[in-house]
Amino acid sequence: MKKMLALMFALALSVSMSSFAFAQDKMDKPADKKEDTKKKEKKAKKEKKEKKEKKDEMKSGEMK
C-alpha cells in the first residue's frame, strides 16, 4: 500500500511539474512570434519592391 501511495505521489508531482514547464514555454512563444512576423513582413516588403523594380525594368525595356 505504501509503495502504491508513493508511486501515485511521484506521478502527481511529475505531472504538475511538466504542466508548469509547459505553461512557462507557452508564455515565451508570443514574443517570439511577434519578432518572426516582423521579419516576415520586412522580407515580404523587400520581395514586393524587387518584383516591382523588375517589372519596371521590363516595361522600360519594351518601350525602347
PDB file of N, CA and C in Angstrom:
ATOM      1  N   MET A   1       0.831  -1.193   0.000  1.00  0.00           N
ATOM      2  CA  MET A   1       0.000   0.000   0.000  1.00  0.00           C
ATOM      3  C   MET A   1       0.887   1.273   0.000  1.00  0.00           C
ATOM      4  N   LYS A   2       1.955   1.257   0.792  1.00  0.00           N
ATOM      5  CA  LYS A   2       2.838   2.425   0.858  1.00  0.00           C
ATOM      6  C   LYS A   2       3.522   2.667  -0.488  1.00  0.00           C
ATOM      7  N   LYS A   3       3.888   1.571  -1.152  1.00  0.00           N
ATOM      8  CA  LYS A   3       4.531   1.708  -2.459  1.00  0.00           C
ATOM      9  C   LYS A   3       3.571   2.327  -3.468  1.00  0.00           C
ATOM     10  N   MET A   4       2.299   1.931  -3.388  1.00  0.00           N
ATOM     11  CA  MET A   4       1.286   2.467  -4.306  1.00  0.00           C
ATOM     12  C   MET A   4       1.085   3.960  -4.051  1.00  0.00           C
ATOM     13  N   LEU A   5       1.012   4.365  -2.799  1.00  0.00           N
ATOM     14  CA  LEU A   5       0.858   5.780  -2.467  1.00  0.00           C
ATOM     15  C   LEU A   5       2.078   6.584  -2.918  1.00  0.00           C
ATOM     16  N   ALA A   6       3.264   6.047  -2.711  1.00  0.00           N
ATOM     17  CA  ALA A   6       4.482   6.739  -3.130  1.00  0.00           C
ATOM     18  C   ALA A   6       4.520   6.892  -4.647  1.00  0.00           C
ATOM     19  N   LEU A   7       4.099   5.860  -5.361  1.00  0.00           N
ATOM     20  CA  LEU A   7       4.056   5.909  -6.821  1.00  0.00           C
ATOM     21  C   LEU A   7       3.055   6.953  -7.306  1.00  0.00           C
ATOM     22  N   MET A   8       1.888   6.985  -6.689  1.00  0.00           N
ATOM     23  CA  MET A   8       0.862   7.969  -7.065  1.00  0.00           C
ATOM     24  C   MET A   8       1.347   9.395  -6.781  1.00  0.00           C
ATOM     25  N   PHE A   9       2.019   9.577  -5.647  1.00  0.00           N
ATOM     26  CA  PHE A   9       2.542  10.889  -5.303  1.00  0.00           C
ATOM     27  C   PHE A   9       3.601  11.332  -6.310  1.00  0.00           C
ATOM     28  N   ALA A  10       4.484  10.422  -6.681  1.00  0.00           N
ATOM     29  CA  ALA A  10       5.540  10.738  -7.653  1.00  0.00           C
ATOM     30  C   ALA A  10       4.925  11.077  -9.012  1.00  0.00           C
ATOM     31  N   LEU A  11       3.911  10.344  -9.409  1.00  0.00           N
ATOM     32  CA  LEU A  11       3.241  10.602 -10.677  1.00  0.00           C
ATOM     33  C   LEU A  11       2.561  11.970 -10.667  1.00  0.00           C
ATOM     34  N   ALA A  12       1.848  12.274  -9.591  1.00  0.00           N
ATOM     35  CA  ALA A  12       1.164  13.564  -9.485  1.00  0.00           C
ATOM     36  C   ALA A  12       2.176  14.715  -9.496  1.00  0.00           C
ATOM     37  N   LEU A  13       3.274  14.535  -8.813  1.00  0.00           N
ATOM     38  CA  LEU A  13       4.305  15.567  -8.759  1.00  0.00           C
ATOM     39  C   LEU A  13       4.929  15.795 -10.136  1.00  0.00           C
ATOM     40  N   SER A  14       5.215  14.729 -10.842  1.00  0.00           N
ATOM     41  CA  SER A  14       5.837  14.871 -12.171  1.00  0.00           C
ATOM     42  C   SER A  14       4.871  15.509 -13.164  1.00  0.00           C
ATOM     43  N   VAL A  15       3.589  15.174 -13.088  1.00  0.00           N
ATOM     44  CA  VAL A  15       2.606  15.777 -13.995  1.00  0.00           C
ATOM     45  C   VAL A  15       2.469  17.270 -13.716  1.00  0.00           C
ATOM     46  N   SER A  16       2.428  17.647 -12.457  1.00  0.00           N
ATOM     47  CA  SER A  16       2.290  19.069 -12.135  1.00  0.00           C
ATOM     48  C   SER A  16       3.530  19.858 -12.557  1.00  0.00           C
ATOM     49  N   MET A  17       4.711  19.257 -12.393  1.00  0.00           N
ATOM     50  CA  MET A  17       5.938  19.944 -12.802  1.00  0.00           C
ATOM     51  C   MET A  17       5.999  20.099 -14.324  1.00  0.00           C
ATOM     52  N   SER A  18       5.590  19.075 -15.039  1.00  0.00           N
ATOM     53  CA  SER A  18       5.642  19.168 -16.500  1.00  0.00           C
ATOM     54  C   SER A  18       4.617  20.178 -17.018  1.00  0.00           C
ATOM     55  N   SER A  19       3.452  20.241 -16.387  1.00  0.00           N
ATOM     56  CA  SER A  19       2.454  21.221 -16.826  1.00  0.00           C
ATOM     57  C   SER A  19       2.934  22.640 -16.527  1.00  0.00           C
ATOM     58  N   PHE A  20       3.651  22.806 -15.428  1.00  0.00           N
ATOM     59  CA  PHE A  20       4.206  24.117 -15.095  1.00  0.00           C
ATOM     60  C   PHE A  20       5.255  24.522 -16.129  1.00  0.00           C
ATOM     61  N   ALA A  21       6.093  23.593 -16.516  1.00  0.00           N
ATOM     62  CA  ALA A  21       7.127  23.877 -17.515  1.00  0.00           C
ATOM     63  C   ALA A  21       6.488  24.195 -18.860  1.00  0.00           C
ATOM     64  N   PHE A  22       5.426  23.485 -19.202  1.00  0.00           N
ATOM     65  CA  PHE A  22       4.733  23.742 -20.460  1.00  0.00           C
ATOM     66  C   PHE A  22       4.112  25.128 -20.462  1.00  0.00           C
ATOM     67  N   ALA A  23       3.545  25.532 -19.339  1.00  0.00           N
ATOM     68  CA  ALA A  23       2.940  26.866 -19.245  1.00  0.00           C
ATOM     69  C   ALA A  23       4.016  27.938 -19.377  1.00  0.00           C
ATOM     70  N   GLN A  24       5.196  27.703 -18.849  1.00  0.00           N
ATOM     71  CA  GLN A  24       6.290  28.664 -18.975  1.00  0.00           C
ATOM     72  C   GLN A  24       6.695  28.831 -20.432  1.00  0.00           C
ATOM     73  N   ASP A  25       6.795  27.724 -21.168  1.00  0.00           N
ATOM     74  CA  ASP A  25       7.162  27.777 -22.579  1.00  0.00           C
ATOM     75  C   ASP A  25       6.092  28.489 -23.391  1.00  0.00           C
ATOM     76  N   LYS A  26       4.856  28.289 -23.048  1.00  0.00           N
ATOM     77  CA  LYS A  26       3.749  28.871 -23.785  1.00  0.00           C
ATOM     78  C   LYS A  26       3.781  30.393 -23.710  1.00  0.00           C
ATOM     79  N   MET A  27       4.207  30.938 -22.593  1.00  0.00           N
ATOM     80  CA  MET A  27       4.247  32.387 -22.431  1.00  0.00           C
ATOM     81  C   MET A  27       5.348  33.019 -23.272  1.00  0.00           C
ATOM     82  N   ASP A  28       6.432  32.328 -23.491  1.00  0.00           N
ATOM     83  CA  ASP A  28       7.552  32.879 -24.238  1.00  0.00           C
ATOM     84  C   ASP A  28       7.278  32.945 -25.735  1.00  0.00           C
ATOM     85  N   LYS A  29       6.459  32.080 -26.250  1.00  0.00           N
ATOM     86  CA  LYS A  29       6.270  31.975 -27.685  1.00  0.00           C
ATOM     87  C   LYS A  29       5.623  33.202 -28.333  1.00  0.00           C
ATOM     88  N   PRO A  30       4.614  33.857 -27.740  1.00  0.00           N
ATOM     89  CA  PRO A  30       4.049  35.025 -28.423  1.00  0.00           C
ATOM     90  C   PRO A  30       5.061  36.126 -28.697  1.00  0.00           C
ATOM     91  N   ALA A  31       6.008  36.331 -27.818  1.00  0.00           N
ATOM     92  CA  ALA A  31       7.038  37.336 -28.050  1.00  0.00           C
ATOM     93  C   ALA A  31       7.884  36.936 -29.252  1.00  0.00           C
ATOM     94  N   ASP A  32       8.186  35.652 -29.341  1.00  0.00           N
ATOM     95  CA  ASP A  32       8.962  35.160 -30.480  1.00  0.00           C
ATOM     96  C   ASP A  32       8.165  35.322 -31.770  1.00  0.00           C
ATOM     97  N   LYS A  33       6.877  35.075 -31.700  1.00  0.00           N
ATOM     98  CA  LYS A  33       6.033  35.180 -32.894  1.00  0.00           C
ATOM     99  C   LYS A  33       5.984  36.616 -33.399  1.00  0.00           C
ATOM    100  N   LYS A  34       5.962  37.576 -32.480  1.00  0.00           N
ATOM    101  CA  LYS A  34       5.929  38.977 -32.901  1.00  0.00           C
ATOM    102  C   LYS A  34       7.194  39.317 -33.694  1.00  0.00           C
ATOM    103  N   GLU A  35       8.331  38.843 -33.211  1.00  0.00           N
ATOM    104  CA  GLU A  35       9.589  39.100 -33.912  1.00  0.00           C
ATOM    105  C   GLU A  35       9.600  38.401 -35.253  1.00  0.00           C
ATOM    106  N   ASP A  36       9.091  37.176 -35.283  1.00  0.00           N
ATOM    107  CA  ASP A  36       9.054  36.414 -36.527  1.00  0.00           C
ATOM    108  C   ASP A  36       8.145  37.097 -37.545  1.00  0.00           C
ATOM    109  N   THR A  37       6.994  37.595 -37.113  1.00  0.00           N
ATOM    110  CA  THR A  37       6.081  38.249 -38.046  1.00  0.00           C
ATOM    111  C   THR A  37       6.685  39.541 -38.576  1.00  0.00           C
ATOM    112  N   LYS A  38       7.403  40.262 -37.733  1.00  0.00           N
ATOM    113  CA  LYS A  38       8.060  41.490 -38.194  1.00  0.00           C
ATOM    114  C   LYS A  38       9.091  41.173 -39.266  1.00  0.00           C
ATOM    115  N   LYS A  39       9.865  40.111 -39.023  1.00  0.00           N
ATOM    116  CA  LYS A  39      10.878  39.714 -40.005  1.00  0.00           C
ATOM    117  C   LYS A  39      10.217  39.289 -41.311  1.00  0.00           C
ATOM    118  N   LYS A  40       9.127  38.543 -41.201  1.00  0.00           N
ATOM    119  CA  LYS A  40       8.423  38.084 -42.396  1.00  0.00           C
ATOM    120  C   LYS A  40       7.843  39.260 -43.174  1.00  0.00           C
ATOM    121  N   GLU A  41       7.288  40.241 -42.444  1.00  0.00           N
ATOM    122  CA  GLU A  41       6.724  41.415 -43.104  1.00  0.00           C
ATOM    123  C   GLU A  41       7.812  42.193 -43.841  1.00  0.00           C
ATOM    124  N   LYS A  42       8.964  42.364 -43.215  1.00  0.00           N
ATOM    125  CA  LYS A  42      10.063  43.076 -43.865  1.00  0.00           C
ATOM    126  C   LYS A  42      10.523  42.336 -45.113  1.00  0.00           C
ATOM    127  N   LYS A  43      10.604  41.020 -44.993  1.00  0.00           N
ATOM    128  CA  LYS A  43      11.038  40.213 -46.131  1.00  0.00           C
ATOM    129  C   LYS A  43      10.025  40.303 -47.264  1.00  0.00           C
ATOM    130  N   ALA A  44       8.730  40.264 -46.930  1.00  0.00           N
ATOM    131  CA  ALA A  44       7.691  40.353 -47.944  1.00  0.00           C
ATOM    132  C   ALA A  44       7.725  41.709 -48.647  1.00  0.00           C
ATOM    133  N   LYS A  45       7.927  42.782 -47.881  1.00  0.00           N
ATOM    134  CA  LYS A  45       8.013  44.113 -48.472  1.00  0.00           C
ATOM    135  C   LYS A  45       9.200  44.223 -49.419  1.00  0.00           C
ATOM    136  N   LYS A  46      10.316  43.647 -48.986  1.00  0.00           N
ATOM    137  CA  LYS A  46      11.522  43.682 -49.809  1.00  0.00           C
ATOM    138  C   LYS A  46      11.302  42.922 -51.111  1.00  0.00           C
ATOM    139  N   GLU A  47      10.660  41.751 -51.020  1.00  0.00           N
ATOM    140  CA  GLU A  47      10.396  40.955 -52.222  1.00  0.00           C
ATOM    141  C   GLU A  47       9.443  41.692 -53.172  1.00  0.00           C
ATOM    142  N   LYS A  48       8.417  42.347 -52.618  1.00  0.00           N
ATOM    143  CA  LYS A  48       7.480  43.104 -53.445  1.00  0.00           C
ATOM    144  C   LYS A  48       8.197  44.240 -54.164  1.00  0.00           C
ATOM    145  N   LYS A  49       9.084  44.900 -53.436  1.00  0.00           N
ATOM    146  CA  LYS A  49       9.834  46.013 -54.018  1.00  0.00           C
ATOM    147  C   LYS A  49      10.710  45.516 -55.161  1.00  0.00           C
ATOM    148  N   GLU A  50      11.379  44.375 -54.957  1.00  0.00           N
ATOM    149  CA  GLU A  50      12.237  43.817 -56.002  1.00  0.00           C
ATOM    150  C   GLU A  50      11.415  43.406 -57.222  1.00  0.00           C
ATOM    151  N   LYS A  51      10.251  42.815 -57.000  1.00  0.00           N
ATOM    152  CA  LYS A  51       9.394  42.407 -58.115  1.00  0.00           C
ATOM    153  C   LYS A  51       8.926  43.631 -58.902  1.00  0.00           C
ATOM    154  N   LYS A  52       8.580  44.693 -58.165  1.00  0.00           N
ATOM    155  CA  LYS A  52       8.119  45.904 -58.817  1.00  0.00           C
ATOM    156  C   LYS A  52       9.234  46.515 -59.659  1.00  0.00           C
ATOM    157  N   GLU A  53      10.452  46.523 -59.119  1.00  0.00           N
ATOM    158  CA  GLU A  53      11.590  47.049 -59.873  1.00  0.00           C
ATOM    159  C   GLU A  53      11.838  46.238 -61.140  1.00  0.00           C
ATOM    160  N   LYS A  54      11.705  44.924 -61.042  1.00  0.00           N
ATOM    161  CA  LYS A  54      11.890  44.066 -62.221  1.00  0.00           C
ATOM    162  C   LYS A  54      10.826  44.365 -63.271  1.00  0.00           C
ATOM    163  N   LYS A  55       9.581  44.551 -62.835  1.00  0.00           N
ATOM    164  CA  LYS A  55       8.503  44.871 -63.776  1.00  0.00           C
ATOM    165  C   LYS A  55       8.762  46.206 -64.456  1.00  0.00           C
ATOM    166  N   ASP A  56       9.210  47.180 -63.672  1.00  0.00           N
ATOM    167  CA  ASP A  56       9.509  48.492 -64.237  1.00  0.00           C
ATOM    168  C   ASP A  56      10.629  48.398 -65.270  1.00  0.00           C
ATOM    169  N   GLU A  57      11.639  47.592 -64.988  1.00  0.00           N
ATOM    170  CA  GLU A  57      12.738  47.396 -65.930  1.00  0.00           C
ATOM    171  C   GLU A  57      12.247  46.748 -67.220  1.00  0.00           C
ATOM    172  N   MET A  58      11.359  45.768 -67.063  1.00  0.00           N
ATOM    173  CA  MET A  58      10.829  45.065 -68.239  1.00  0.00           C
ATOM    174  C   MET A  58      10.000  46.037 -69.090  1.00  0.00           C
ATOM    175  N   LYS A  59       9.190  46.872 -68.422  1.00  0.00           N
ATOM    176  CA  LYS A  59       8.350  47.824 -69.164  1.00  0.00           C
ATOM    177  C   LYS A  59       9.206  48.849 -69.896  1.00  0.00           C
ATOM    178  N   SER A  60      10.232  49.348 -69.215  1.00  0.00           N
ATOM    179  CA  SER A  60      11.084  50.351 -69.854  1.00  0.00           C
ATOM    180  C   SER A  60      11.868  49.724 -71.009  1.00  0.00           C
ATOM    181  N   GLY A  61      12.223  48.465 -70.897  1.00  0.00           N
ATOM    182  CA  GLY A  61      12.916  47.764 -71.954  1.00  0.00           C
ATOM    183  C   GLY A  61      12.009  47.549 -73.173  1.00  0.00           C
ATOM    184  N   GLU A  62      10.727  47.296 -72.932  1.00  0.00           N
ATOM    185  CA  GLU A  62       9.781  47.080 -74.020  1.00  0.00           C
ATOM    186  C   GLU A  62       9.477  48.390 -74.759  1.00  0.00           C
ATOM    187  N   MET A  63       9.446  49.493 -74.029  1.00  0.00           N
ATOM    188  CA  MET A  63       9.104  50.767 -74.638  1.00  0.00           C
ATOM    189  C   MET A  63      10.225  51.263 -75.551  1.00  0.00           C
ATOM    190  N   LYS A  64      11.440  50.924 -75.238  1.00  0.00           N
ATOM    191  CA  LYS A  64      12.579  51.398 -76.050  1.00  0.00           C
ATOM    192  C   LYS A  64      12.628  50.592 -77.289  1.00  0.00           C
TER     193      LYS A  64
END
